[in-house]
PDB file of N, CA and C in Angstrom:
ATOM      1  N   UNK A   1    -179.355  60.510  16.115  1.00  0.00           N
ATOM      2  CA  UNK A   1    -179.962  60.598  17.223  1.00  0.00           C
ATOM      3  C   UNK A   1    -179.692  61.778  18.069  1.00  0.00           C
ATOM      4  N   UNK A   2    -180.872  62.456  18.352  1.00  0.00           N
ATOM      5  CA  UNK A   2    -180.892  63.781  19.161  1.00  0.00           C
ATOM      6  C   UNK A   2    -181.350  63.578  20.571  1.00  0.00           C
ATOM      7  N   UNK A   3    -180.772  64.145  21.556  1.00  0.00           N
ATOM      8  CA  UNK A   3    -181.139  64.140  22.986  1.00  0.00           C
ATOM      9  C   UNK A   3    -181.922  65.358  23.186  1.00  0.00           C
ATOM     10  N   UNK A   4    -182.988  65.388  23.626  1.00  0.00           N
ATOM     11  CA  UNK A   4    -183.881  66.642  23.758  1.00  0.00           C
ATOM     12  C   UNK A   4    -183.890  66.670  25.393  1.00  0.00           C
ATOM     13  N   UNK A   5    -183.447  67.710  25.992  1.00  0.00           N
ATOM     14  CA  UNK A   5    -183.632  68.201  27.369  1.00  0.00           C
ATOM     15  C   UNK A   5    -184.600  68.885  27.703  1.00  0.00           C
ATOM     16  N   UNK A   6    -185.107  68.778  28.678  1.00  0.00           N
ATOM     17  CA  UNK A   6    -186.308  69.766  29.071  1.00  0.00           C
ATOM     18  C   UNK A   6    -185.817  71.107  29.264  1.00  0.00           C
ATOM     19  N   UNK A   7    -186.647  72.233  29.008  1.00  0.00           N
ATOM     20  CA  UNK A   7    -186.209  73.574  29.194  1.00  0.00           C
ATOM     21  C   UNK A   7    -186.242  73.776  30.795  1.00  0.00           C
ATOM     22  N   UNK A   8    -185.167  74.738  31.150  1.00  0.00           N
ATOM     23  CA  UNK A   8    -185.146  75.192  32.530  1.00  0.00           C
ATOM     24  C   UNK A   8    -186.330  76.078  33.048  1.00  0.00           C
ATOM     25  N   UNK A   9    -186.626  75.721  34.128  1.00  0.00           N
ATOM     26  CA  UNK A   9    -187.660  76.709  34.589  1.00  0.00           C
ATOM     27  C   UNK A   9    -186.910  78.049  34.972  1.00  0.00           C
ATOM     28  N   UNK A  10    -187.668  79.117  35.024  1.00  0.00           N
ATOM     29  CA  UNK A  10    -186.981  80.526  35.280  1.00  0.00           C
ATOM     30  C   UNK A  10    -186.340  80.481  36.548  1.00  0.00           C
ATOM     31  N   UNK A  11    -186.949  79.739  37.592  1.00  0.00           N
ATOM     32  CA  UNK A  11    -186.229  79.704  39.004  1.00  0.00           C
ATOM     33  C   UNK A  11    -184.927  79.097  38.952  1.00  0.00           C
ATOM     34  N   UNK A  12    -184.913  77.940  38.156  1.00  0.00           N
ATOM     35  CA  UNK A  12    -183.740  76.981  38.078  1.00  0.00           C
ATOM     36  C   UNK A  12    -182.707  77.767  37.334  1.00  0.00           C
ATOM     37  N   UNK A  13    -183.088  78.637  36.227  1.00  0.00           N
ATOM     38  CA  UNK A  13    -182.131  79.419  35.480  1.00  0.00           C
ATOM     39  C   UNK A  13    -181.603  80.428  36.310  1.00  0.00           C
ATOM     40  N   UNK A  14    -182.212  81.193  37.147  1.00  0.00           N
ATOM     41  CA  UNK A  14    -181.924  82.104  38.003  1.00  0.00           C
ATOM     42  C   UNK A  14    -181.011  81.646  38.984  1.00  0.00           C
ATOM     43  N   UNK A  15    -181.337  80.495  39.816  1.00  0.00           N
ATOM     44  CA  UNK A  15    -180.489  79.817  40.597  1.00  0.00           C
ATOM     45  C   UNK A  15    -179.110  79.433  39.958  1.00  0.00           C
ATOM     46  N   UNK A  16    -179.155  79.025  38.815  1.00  0.00           N
ATOM     47  CA  UNK A  16    -177.886  78.562  38.120  1.00  0.00           C
ATOM     48  C   UNK A  16    -176.995  79.767  37.705  1.00  0.00           C
ATOM     49  N   UNK A  17    -177.718  80.745  37.360  1.00  0.00           N
ATOM     50  CA  UNK A  17    -177.038  82.130  36.974  1.00  0.00           C
ATOM     51  C   UNK A  17    -176.367  82.538  38.251  1.00  0.00           C
ATOM     52  N   UNK A  18    -177.148  82.620  39.426  1.00  0.00           N
ATOM     53  CA  UNK A  18    -176.323  83.124  40.751  1.00  0.00           C
ATOM     54  C   UNK A  18    -175.303  82.192  41.090  1.00  0.00           C
ATOM     55  N   UNK A  19    -175.480  80.880  40.869  1.00  0.00           N
ATOM     56  CA  UNK A  19    -174.240  80.039  41.303  1.00  0.00           C
ATOM     57  C   UNK A  19    -173.109  80.297  40.444  1.00  0.00           C
ATOM     58  N   UNK A  20    -173.246  80.423  39.086  1.00  0.00           N
ATOM     59  CA  UNK A  20    -172.143  80.832  38.161  1.00  0.00           C
ATOM     60  C   UNK A  20    -171.555  82.212  38.453  1.00  0.00           C
ATOM     61  N   UNK A  21    -172.327  83.132  38.865  1.00  0.00           N
ATOM     62  CA  UNK A  21    -171.803  84.422  39.218  1.00  0.00           C
ATOM     63  C   UNK A  21    -171.065  84.487  40.563  1.00  0.00           C
ATOM     64  N   UNK A  22    -171.623  83.511  41.575  1.00  0.00           N
ATOM     65  CA  UNK A  22    -170.866  83.497  42.838  1.00  0.00           C
ATOM     66  C   UNK A  22    -169.382  82.838  42.604  1.00  0.00           C
ATOM     67  N   UNK A  23    -169.370  81.749  41.789  1.00  0.00           N
ATOM     68  CA  UNK A  23    -168.315  80.966  41.450  1.00  0.00           C
ATOM     69  C   UNK A  23    -167.239  81.882  40.808  1.00  0.00           C
ATOM     70  N   UNK A  24    -167.666  82.670  39.848  1.00  0.00           N
ATOM     71  CA  UNK A  24    -166.870  83.736  39.145  1.00  0.00           C
ATOM     72  C   UNK A  24    -166.265  84.651  40.079  1.00  0.00           C
ATOM     73  N   UNK A  25    -167.104  85.153  41.032  1.00  0.00           N
ATOM     74  CA  UNK A  25    -166.699  86.183  42.100  1.00  0.00           C
ATOM     75  C   UNK A  25    -165.807  85.565  42.856  1.00  0.00           C
ATOM     76  N   UNK A  26    -165.963  84.223  43.312  1.00  0.00           N
ATOM     77  CA  UNK A  26    -165.000  83.489  44.272  1.00  0.00           C
ATOM     78  C   UNK A  26    -163.638  83.503  43.612  1.00  0.00           C
ATOM     79  N   UNK A  27    -163.578  82.936  42.408  1.00  0.00           N
ATOM     80  CA  UNK A  27    -162.372  82.841  41.580  1.00  0.00           C
ATOM     81  C   UNK A  27    -161.665  84.100  41.470  1.00  0.00           C
ATOM     82  N   UNK A  28    -162.317  85.179  41.100  1.00  0.00           N
ATOM     83  CA  UNK A  28    -161.814  86.522  41.165  1.00  0.00           C
ATOM     84  C   UNK A  28    -161.144  87.021  42.405  1.00  0.00           C
ATOM     85  N   UNK A  29    -161.904  86.677  43.377  1.00  0.00           N
ATOM     86  CA  UNK A  29    -161.346  87.126  44.859  1.00  0.00           C
ATOM     87  C   UNK A  29    -160.160  86.199  45.265  1.00  0.00           C
ATOM     88  N   UNK A  30    -160.216  84.976  44.784  1.00  0.00           N
ATOM     89  CA  UNK A  30    -158.994  84.168  45.041  1.00  0.00           C
ATOM     90  C   UNK A  30    -157.722  84.618  44.196  1.00  0.00           C
ATOM     91  N   UNK A  31    -158.005  84.967  42.906  1.00  0.00           N
ATOM     92  CA  UNK A  31    -156.881  85.401  42.246  1.00  0.00           C
ATOM     93  C   UNK A  31    -156.424  86.629  42.726  1.00  0.00           C
ATOM     94  N   UNK A  32    -157.256  87.729  43.293  1.00  0.00           N
ATOM     95  CA  UNK A  32    -156.831  89.007  43.883  1.00  0.00           C
ATOM     96  C   UNK A  32    -156.066  88.597  45.164  1.00  0.00           C
ATOM     97  N   UNK A  33    -156.460  87.653  45.873  1.00  0.00           N
ATOM     98  CA  UNK A  33    -155.788  87.389  47.033  1.00  0.00           C
ATOM     99  C   UNK A  33    -154.251  86.651  46.718  1.00  0.00           C
ATOM    100  N   UNK A  34    -154.353  85.826  45.696  1.00  0.00           N
ATOM    101  CA  UNK A  34    -153.010  85.279  45.307  1.00  0.00           C
ATOM    102  C   UNK A  34    -152.194  86.291  44.729  1.00  0.00           C
ATOM    103  N   UNK A  35    -152.693  87.394  44.093  1.00  0.00           N
ATOM    104  CA  UNK A  35    -151.720  88.387  43.599  1.00  0.00           C
ATOM    105  C   UNK A  35    -151.368  89.136  44.873  1.00  0.00           C
ATOM    106  N   UNK A  36    -152.173  89.492  45.738  1.00  0.00           N
ATOM    107  CA  UNK A  36    -151.779  90.242  46.970  1.00  0.00           C
ATOM    108  C   UNK A  36    -150.666  89.527  47.747  1.00  0.00           C
ATOM    109  N   UNK A  37    -150.993  88.199  47.881  1.00  0.00           N
ATOM    110  CA  UNK A  37    -149.853  87.359  48.603  1.00  0.00           C
ATOM    111  C   UNK A  37    -148.574  87.393  47.856  1.00  0.00           C
ATOM    112  N   UNK A  38    -148.719  87.272  46.662  1.00  0.00           N
ATOM    113  CA  UNK A  38    -147.391  87.399  45.873  1.00  0.00           C
ATOM    114  C   UNK A  38    -146.648  88.582  45.930  1.00  0.00           C
ATOM    115  N   UNK A  39    -147.617  89.739  45.941  1.00  0.00           N
ATOM    116  CA  UNK A  39    -146.861  91.138  46.114  1.00  0.00           C
ATOM    117  C   UNK A  39    -146.258  91.134  47.515  1.00  0.00           C
ATOM    118  N   UNK A  40    -146.885  90.688  48.540  1.00  0.00           N
ATOM    119  CA  UNK A  40    -146.442  90.721  49.907  1.00  0.00           C
ATOM    120  C   UNK A  40    -145.166  89.936  49.874  1.00  0.00           C
ATOM    121  N   UNK A  41    -145.027  88.786  49.287  1.00  0.00           N
ATOM    122  CA  UNK A  41    -143.976  87.908  49.380  1.00  0.00           C
ATOM    123  C   UNK A  41    -142.728  88.544  48.698  1.00  0.00           C
ATOM    124  N   UNK A  42    -142.911  89.207  47.481  1.00  0.00           N
ATOM    125  CA  UNK A  42    -141.976  89.894  46.907  1.00  0.00           C
ATOM    126  C   UNK A  42    -141.351  91.114  47.626  1.00  0.00           C
ATOM    127  N   UNK A  43    -142.347  91.767  48.327  1.00  0.00           N
ATOM    128  CA  UNK A  43    -141.889  92.847  49.286  1.00  0.00           C
ATOM    129  C   UNK A  43    -141.065  92.312  50.482  1.00  0.00           C
ATOM    130  N   UNK A  44    -141.446  91.260  51.058  1.00  0.00           N
ATOM    131  CA  UNK A  44    -140.718  90.565  52.083  1.00  0.00           C
ATOM    132  C   UNK A  44    -139.236  90.353  51.610  1.00  0.00           C
ATOM    133  N   UNK A  45    -139.252  89.624  50.313  1.00  0.00           N
ATOM    134  CA  UNK A  45    -137.917  89.203  49.796  1.00  0.00           C
ATOM    135  C   UNK A  45    -137.046  90.392  49.538  1.00  0.00           C
ATOM    136  N   UNK A  46    -137.771  91.511  48.960  1.00  0.00           N
ATOM    137  CA  UNK A  46    -136.739  92.640  48.718  1.00  0.00           C
ATOM    138  C   UNK A  46    -136.347  93.334  50.049  1.00  0.00           C
ATOM    139  N   UNK A  47    -137.199  93.321  51.156  1.00  0.00           N
ATOM    140  CA  UNK A  47    -136.827  93.831  52.335  1.00  0.00           C
ATOM    141  C   UNK A  47    -135.776  93.107  52.924  1.00  0.00           C
ATOM    142  N   UNK A  48    -135.917  91.720  52.792  1.00  0.00           N
ATOM    143  CA  UNK A  48    -134.781  90.941  53.477  1.00  0.00           C
ATOM    144  C   UNK A  48    -133.533  91.110  52.618  1.00  0.00           C
ATOM    145  N   UNK A  49    -133.606  91.214  51.325  1.00  0.00           N
ATOM    146  CA  UNK A  49    -132.324  91.527  50.500  1.00  0.00           C
ATOM    147  C   UNK A  49    -131.755  92.738  50.793  1.00  0.00           C
ATOM    148  N   UNK A  50    -132.581  93.838  50.943  1.00  0.00           N
ATOM    149  CA  UNK A  50    -132.078  95.277  51.361  1.00  0.00           C
ATOM    150  C   UNK A  50    -131.389  95.080  52.718  1.00  0.00           C
ATOM    151  N   UNK A  51    -131.881  94.426  53.804  1.00  0.00           N
ATOM    152  CA  UNK A  51    -131.404  94.275  55.067  1.00  0.00           C
ATOM    153  C   UNK A  51    -130.024  93.563  55.014  1.00  0.00           C
ATOM    154  N   UNK A  52    -129.865  92.614  54.232  1.00  0.00           N
ATOM    155  CA  UNK A  52    -128.594  91.892  53.904  1.00  0.00           C
ATOM    156  C   UNK A  52    -127.633  92.713  53.484  1.00  0.00           C
ATOM    157  N   UNK A  53    -127.953  93.550  52.310  1.00  0.00           N
ATOM    158  CA  UNK A  53    -127.012  94.393  51.760  1.00  0.00           C
ATOM    159  C   UNK A  53    -126.675  95.591  52.827  1.00  0.00           C
ATOM    160  N   UNK A  54    -127.585  95.859  53.421  1.00  0.00           N
ATOM    161  CA  UNK A  54    -127.210  97.021  54.556  1.00  0.00           C
ATOM    162  C   UNK A  54    -126.367  96.286  55.725  1.00  0.00           C
ATOM    163  N   UNK A  55    -126.646  95.156  55.875  1.00  0.00           N
ATOM    164  CA  UNK A  55    -125.861  94.430  57.032  1.00  0.00           C
ATOM    165  C   UNK A  55    -124.352  94.423  56.371  1.00  0.00           C
ATOM    166  N   UNK A  56    -124.280  93.877  55.205  1.00  0.00           N
ATOM    167  CA  UNK A  56    -122.940  93.886  54.553  1.00  0.00           C
ATOM    168  C   UNK A  56    -122.261  95.223  54.444  1.00  0.00           C
ATOM    169  N   UNK A  57    -123.072  96.225  54.250  1.00  0.00           N
ATOM    170  CA  UNK A  57    -122.440  97.537  53.954  1.00  0.00           C
ATOM    171  C   UNK A  57    -122.102  97.845  55.403  1.00  0.00           C
ATOM    172  N   UNK A  58    -122.796  97.647  56.376  1.00  0.00           N
ATOM    173  CA  UNK A  58    -122.299  98.002  57.865  1.00  0.00           C
ATOM    174  C   UNK A  58    -121.067  97.365  58.135  1.00  0.00           C
ATOM    175  N   UNK A  59    -120.973  96.222  57.867  1.00  0.00           N
ATOM    176  CA  UNK A  59    -119.788  95.319  58.193  1.00  0.00           C
ATOM    177  C   UNK A  59    -118.647  95.829  57.450  1.00  0.00           C
ATOM    178  N   UNK A  60    -118.873  96.088  56.146  1.00  0.00           N
ATOM    179  CA  UNK A  60    -117.833  96.812  55.383  1.00  0.00           C
ATOM    180  C   UNK A  60    -117.378  98.030  55.914  1.00  0.00           C
ATOM    181  N   UNK A  61    -118.280  98.893  56.323  1.00  0.00           N
ATOM    182  CA  UNK A  61    -117.883 100.305  56.872  1.00  0.00           C
ATOM    183  C   UNK A  61    -117.193 100.039  58.231  1.00  0.00           C
ATOM    184  N   UNK A  62    -117.475  98.970  58.998  1.00  0.00           N
ATOM    185  CA  UNK A  62    -116.866  98.820  60.235  1.00  0.00           C
ATOM    186  C   UNK A  62    -115.463  98.424  59.918  1.00  0.00           C
ATOM    187  N   UNK A  63    -115.286  97.410  58.846  1.00  0.00           N
ATOM    188  CA  UNK A  63    -113.910  97.060  58.669  1.00  0.00           C
ATOM    189  C   UNK A  63    -112.961  98.164  58.086  1.00  0.00           C
ATOM    190  N   UNK A  64    -113.524  99.131  57.276  1.00  0.00           N
ATOM    191  CA  UNK A  64    -112.851 100.261  56.669  1.00  0.00           C
ATOM    192  C   UNK A  64    -112.548 101.151  57.923  1.00  0.00           C
ATOM    193  N   UNK A  65    -113.332 101.390  58.812  1.00  0.00           N
ATOM    194  CA  UNK A  65    -113.049 102.315  60.112  1.00  0.00           C
ATOM    195  C   UNK A  65    -111.900 101.541  60.873  1.00  0.00           C
ATOM    196  N   UNK A  66    -111.880 100.358  61.054  1.00  0.00           N
ATOM    197  CA  UNK A  66    -110.929  99.610  61.773  1.00  0.00           C
ATOM    198  C   UNK A  66    -109.476  99.899  60.989  1.00  0.00           C
ATOM    199  N   UNK A  67    -109.486  99.535  59.786  1.00  0.00           N
ATOM    200  CA  UNK A  67    -108.384  99.795  58.843  1.00  0.00           C
ATOM    201  C   UNK A  67    -107.718 101.195  58.847  1.00  0.00           C
ATOM    202  N   UNK A  68    -108.692 102.120  58.788  1.00  0.00           N
ATOM    203  CA  UNK A  68    -108.352 103.496  58.758  1.00  0.00           C
ATOM    204  C   UNK A  68    -107.610 103.970  60.159  1.00  0.00           C
ATOM    205  N   UNK A  69    -108.227 103.447  61.314  1.00  0.00           N
ATOM    206  CA  UNK A  69    -107.869 103.611  62.652  1.00  0.00           C
ATOM    207  C   UNK A  69    -106.439 102.964  62.782  1.00  0.00           C
ATOM    208  N   UNK A  70    -106.281 101.964  62.249  1.00  0.00           N
ATOM    209  CA  UNK A  70    -104.912 101.256  62.194  1.00  0.00           C
ATOM    210  C   UNK A  70    -103.798 102.138  61.583  1.00  0.00           C
ATOM    211  N   UNK A  71    -104.345 102.742  60.329  1.00  0.00           N
ATOM    212  CA  UNK A  71    -103.306 103.358  59.535  1.00  0.00           C
ATOM    213  C   UNK A  71    -103.055 104.630  60.308  1.00  0.00           C
ATOM    214  N   UNK A  72    -104.064 105.337  60.854  1.00  0.00           N
ATOM    215  CA  UNK A  72    -103.876 106.624  61.612  1.00  0.00           C
ATOM    216  C   UNK A  72    -102.988 106.228  62.699  1.00  0.00           C
ATOM    217  N   UNK A  73    -102.944 105.162  63.525  1.00  0.00           N
ATOM    218  CA  UNK A  73    -102.146 104.877  64.571  1.00  0.00           C
ATOM    219  C   UNK A  73    -100.665 104.779  64.061  1.00  0.00           C
ATOM    220  N   UNK A  74    -100.416 103.935  62.772  1.00  0.00           N
ATOM    221  CA  UNK A  74     -99.087 103.945  62.314  1.00  0.00           C
ATOM    222  C   UNK A  74     -98.485 105.298  61.798  1.00  0.00           C
ATOM    223  N   UNK A  75     -99.461 106.128  61.289  1.00  0.00           N
ATOM    224  CA  UNK A  75     -98.899 107.305  60.857  1.00  0.00           C
ATOM    225  C   UNK A  75     -98.462 108.365  62.105  1.00  0.00           C
ATOM    226  N   UNK A  76     -99.299 108.160  63.049  1.00  0.00           N
ATOM    227  CA  UNK A  76     -99.026 108.884  64.460  1.00  0.00           C
ATOM    228  C   UNK A  76     -97.611 108.475  64.926  1.00  0.00           C
ATOM    229  N   UNK A  77     -97.454 107.184  64.843  1.00  0.00           N
ATOM    230  CA  UNK A  77     -96.218 106.780  65.287  1.00  0.00           C
ATOM    231  C   UNK A  77     -94.957 107.146  64.530  1.00  0.00           C
ATOM    232  N   UNK A  78     -95.252 107.122  63.162  1.00  0.00           N
ATOM    233  CA  UNK A  78     -94.142 107.503  62.251  1.00  0.00           C
ATOM    234  C   UNK A  78     -94.000 108.967  62.522  1.00  0.00           C
ATOM    235  N   UNK A  79     -95.037 109.931  62.751  1.00  0.00           N
ATOM    236  CA  UNK A  79     -94.858 111.302  62.956  1.00  0.00           C
ATOM    237  C   UNK A  79     -93.959 111.445  64.355  1.00  0.00           C
ATOM    238  N   UNK A  80     -94.210 110.500  65.341  1.00  0.00           N
ATOM    239  CA  UNK A  80     -93.426 110.824  66.513  1.00  0.00           C
ATOM    240  C   UNK A  80     -92.033 110.409  66.313  1.00  0.00           C
ATOM    241  N   UNK A  81     -91.717 109.485  65.484  1.00  0.00           N
ATOM    242  CA  UNK A  81     -90.351 109.078  65.390  1.00  0.00           C
ATOM    243  C   UNK A  81     -89.642 110.118  64.622  1.00  0.00           C
ATOM    244  N   UNK A  82     -90.146 110.630  63.498  1.00  0.00           N
ATOM    245  CA  UNK A  82     -89.654 111.731  62.757  1.00  0.00           C
ATOM    246  C   UNK A  82     -89.511 112.995  63.536  1.00  0.00           C
ATOM    247  N   UNK A  83     -90.397 113.324  64.548  1.00  0.00           N
ATOM    248  CA  UNK A  83     -90.135 114.367  65.283  1.00  0.00           C
ATOM    249  C   UNK A  83     -89.081 114.123  66.206  1.00  0.00           C
ATOM    250  N   UNK A  84     -88.706 113.049  66.786  1.00  0.00           N
ATOM    251  CA  UNK A  84     -87.771 112.500  67.804  1.00  0.00           C
ATOM    252  C   UNK A  84     -86.472 112.809  66.914  1.00  0.00           C
ATOM    253  N   UNK A  85     -86.380 112.277  65.641  1.00  0.00           N
ATOM    254  CA  UNK A  85     -85.216 112.496  64.818  1.00  0.00           C
ATOM    255  C   UNK A  85     -84.813 113.989  64.722  1.00  0.00           C
ATOM    256  N   UNK A  86     -85.946 114.785  64.363  1.00  0.00           N
ATOM    257  CA  UNK A  86     -85.593 116.290  64.250  1.00  0.00           C
ATOM    258  C   UNK A  86     -85.204 116.750  65.498  1.00  0.00           C
ATOM    259  N   UNK A  87     -85.696 116.466  66.595  1.00  0.00           N
ATOM    260  CA  UNK A  87     -85.083 116.922  67.887  1.00  0.00           C
ATOM    261  C   UNK A  87     -83.634 116.711  68.110  1.00  0.00           C
ATOM    262  N   UNK A  88     -83.257 115.459  67.617  1.00  0.00           N
ATOM    263  CA  UNK A  88     -81.851 115.018  67.899  1.00  0.00           C
ATOM    264  C   UNK A  88     -81.033 115.861  66.958  1.00  0.00           C
ATOM    265  N   UNK A  89     -81.528 115.970  65.763  1.00  0.00           N
ATOM    266  CA  UNK A  89     -80.746 116.635  64.618  1.00  0.00           C
ATOM    267  C   UNK A  89     -80.389 118.202  65.174  1.00  0.00           C
ATOM    268  N   UNK A  90     -81.562 118.695  65.591  1.00  0.00           N
ATOM    269  CA  UNK A  90     -81.636 120.164  66.101  1.00  0.00           C
ATOM    270  C   UNK A  90     -80.623 120.274  67.271  1.00  0.00           C
ATOM    271  N   UNK A  91     -80.591 119.189  68.192  1.00  0.00           N
ATOM    272  CA  UNK A  91     -79.870 119.176  69.489  1.00  0.00           C
ATOM    273  C   UNK A  91     -78.380 119.134  69.016  1.00  0.00           C
ATOM    274  N   UNK A  92     -78.046 118.253  67.940  1.00  0.00           N
ATOM    275  CA  UNK A  92     -76.621 117.984  67.529  1.00  0.00           C
ATOM    276  C   UNK A  92     -76.270 119.323  66.878  1.00  0.00           C
ATOM    277  N   UNK A  93     -77.080 119.970  66.133  1.00  0.00           N
ATOM    278  CA  UNK A  93     -76.625 121.190  65.510  1.00  0.00           C
ATOM    279  C   UNK A  93     -76.371 122.388  66.448  1.00  0.00           C
ATOM    280  N   UNK A  94     -77.203 122.400  67.509  1.00  0.00           N
ATOM    281  CA  UNK A  94     -76.986 123.308  68.454  1.00  0.00           C
ATOM    282  C   UNK A  94     -75.825 122.995  69.278  1.00  0.00           C
ATOM    283  N   UNK A  95     -75.439 121.842  69.583  1.00  0.00           N
ATOM    284  CA  UNK A  95     -74.243 121.471  70.255  1.00  0.00           C
ATOM    285  C   UNK A  95     -73.047 121.915  69.526  1.00  0.00           C
ATOM    286  N   UNK A  96     -73.080 121.540  68.006  1.00  0.00           N
ATOM    287  CA  UNK A  96     -72.108 121.857  67.095  1.00  0.00           C
ATOM    288  C   UNK A  96     -71.908 123.337  67.130  1.00  0.00           C
ATOM    289  N   UNK A  97     -72.876 124.040  67.115  1.00  0.00           N
ATOM    290  CA  UNK A  97     -72.744 125.735  67.094  1.00  0.00           C
ATOM    291  C   UNK A  97     -72.059 126.073  68.514  1.00  0.00           C
ATOM    292  N   UNK A  98     -72.398 125.489  69.614  1.00  0.00           N
ATOM    293  CA  UNK A  98     -71.785 125.798  70.695  1.00  0.00           C
ATOM    294  C   UNK A  98     -70.391 125.536  70.882  1.00  0.00           C
ATOM    295  N   UNK A  99     -70.004 124.458  70.412  1.00  0.00           N
ATOM    296  CA  UNK A  99     -68.580 123.849  70.317  1.00  0.00           C
ATOM    297  C   UNK A  99     -67.911 124.995  69.539  1.00  0.00           C
ATOM    298  N   UNK A 100     -68.482 125.202  68.236  1.00  0.00           N
ATOM    299  CA  UNK A 100     -67.567 126.112  67.493  1.00  0.00           C
ATOM    300  C   UNK A 100     -67.529 127.522  68.143  1.00  0.00           C
ATOM    301  N   UNK A 101     -68.455 128.074  68.790  1.00  0.00           N
ATOM    302  CA  UNK A 101     -68.363 129.246  69.517  1.00  0.00           C
ATOM    303  C   UNK A 101     -67.288 129.173  70.511  1.00  0.00           C
ATOM    304  N   UNK A 102     -67.321 127.939  71.369  1.00  0.00           N
ATOM    305  CA  UNK A 102     -66.323 127.906  72.457  1.00  0.00           C
ATOM    306  C   UNK A 102     -64.908 127.947  71.702  1.00  0.00           C
ATOM    307  N   UNK A 103     -64.645 127.174  70.519  1.00  0.00           N
ATOM    308  CA  UNK A 103     -63.332 127.151  69.966  1.00  0.00           C
ATOM    309  C   UNK A 103     -62.986 128.594  69.437  1.00  0.00           C
ATOM    310  N   UNK A 104     -63.983 129.298  69.016  1.00  0.00           N
ATOM    311  CA  UNK A 104     -63.754 130.639  68.456  1.00  0.00           C
ATOM    312  C   UNK A 104     -63.344 131.622  69.749  1.00  0.00           C
ATOM    313  N   UNK A 105     -63.996 131.359  70.738  1.00  0.00           N
ATOM    314  CA  UNK A 105     -63.672 132.117  71.899  1.00  0.00           C
ATOM    315  C   UNK A 105     -62.169 131.900  72.333  1.00  0.00           C
ATOM    316  N   UNK A 106     -61.852 130.563  72.345  1.00  0.00           N
ATOM    317  CA  UNK A 106     -60.656 130.235  72.729  1.00  0.00           C
ATOM    318  C   UNK A 106     -59.508 130.727  71.802  1.00  0.00           C
ATOM    319  N   UNK A 107     -59.687 130.813  70.458  1.00  0.00           N
ATOM    320  CA  UNK A 107     -58.710 131.366  69.663  1.00  0.00           C
ATOM    321  C   UNK A 107     -58.746 132.847  69.618  1.00  0.00           C
ATOM    322  N   UNK A 108     -59.625 133.456  70.255  1.00  0.00           N
ATOM    323  CA  UNK A 108     -59.758 134.994  70.233  1.00  0.00           C
ATOM    324  C   UNK A 108     -58.980 135.438  71.342  1.00  0.00           C
TER     325      UNK A 108
END
């Protein structure tokens, strides 16, 4: 059994062709829009990730600065203490020399 369908008229054929072409164009535009939205989404994700990394880097840098400042304070304190010890030793040495000179003068 064979079904025979009537031939399309030229205007019907042209209308069907335009419809198919419009549908293809719509699908193509939708795909392009989807690709563009996907690209924008990826860009936003990358930007957000970079900002988070930068934020972490900033926090890490602040922490390092704080630690280095603490170390600097302790080193300055140590320098001060060592300088005080040096002054005491030099003072004691000076006193010993003076005492030695006084003893020499007494014996002379």
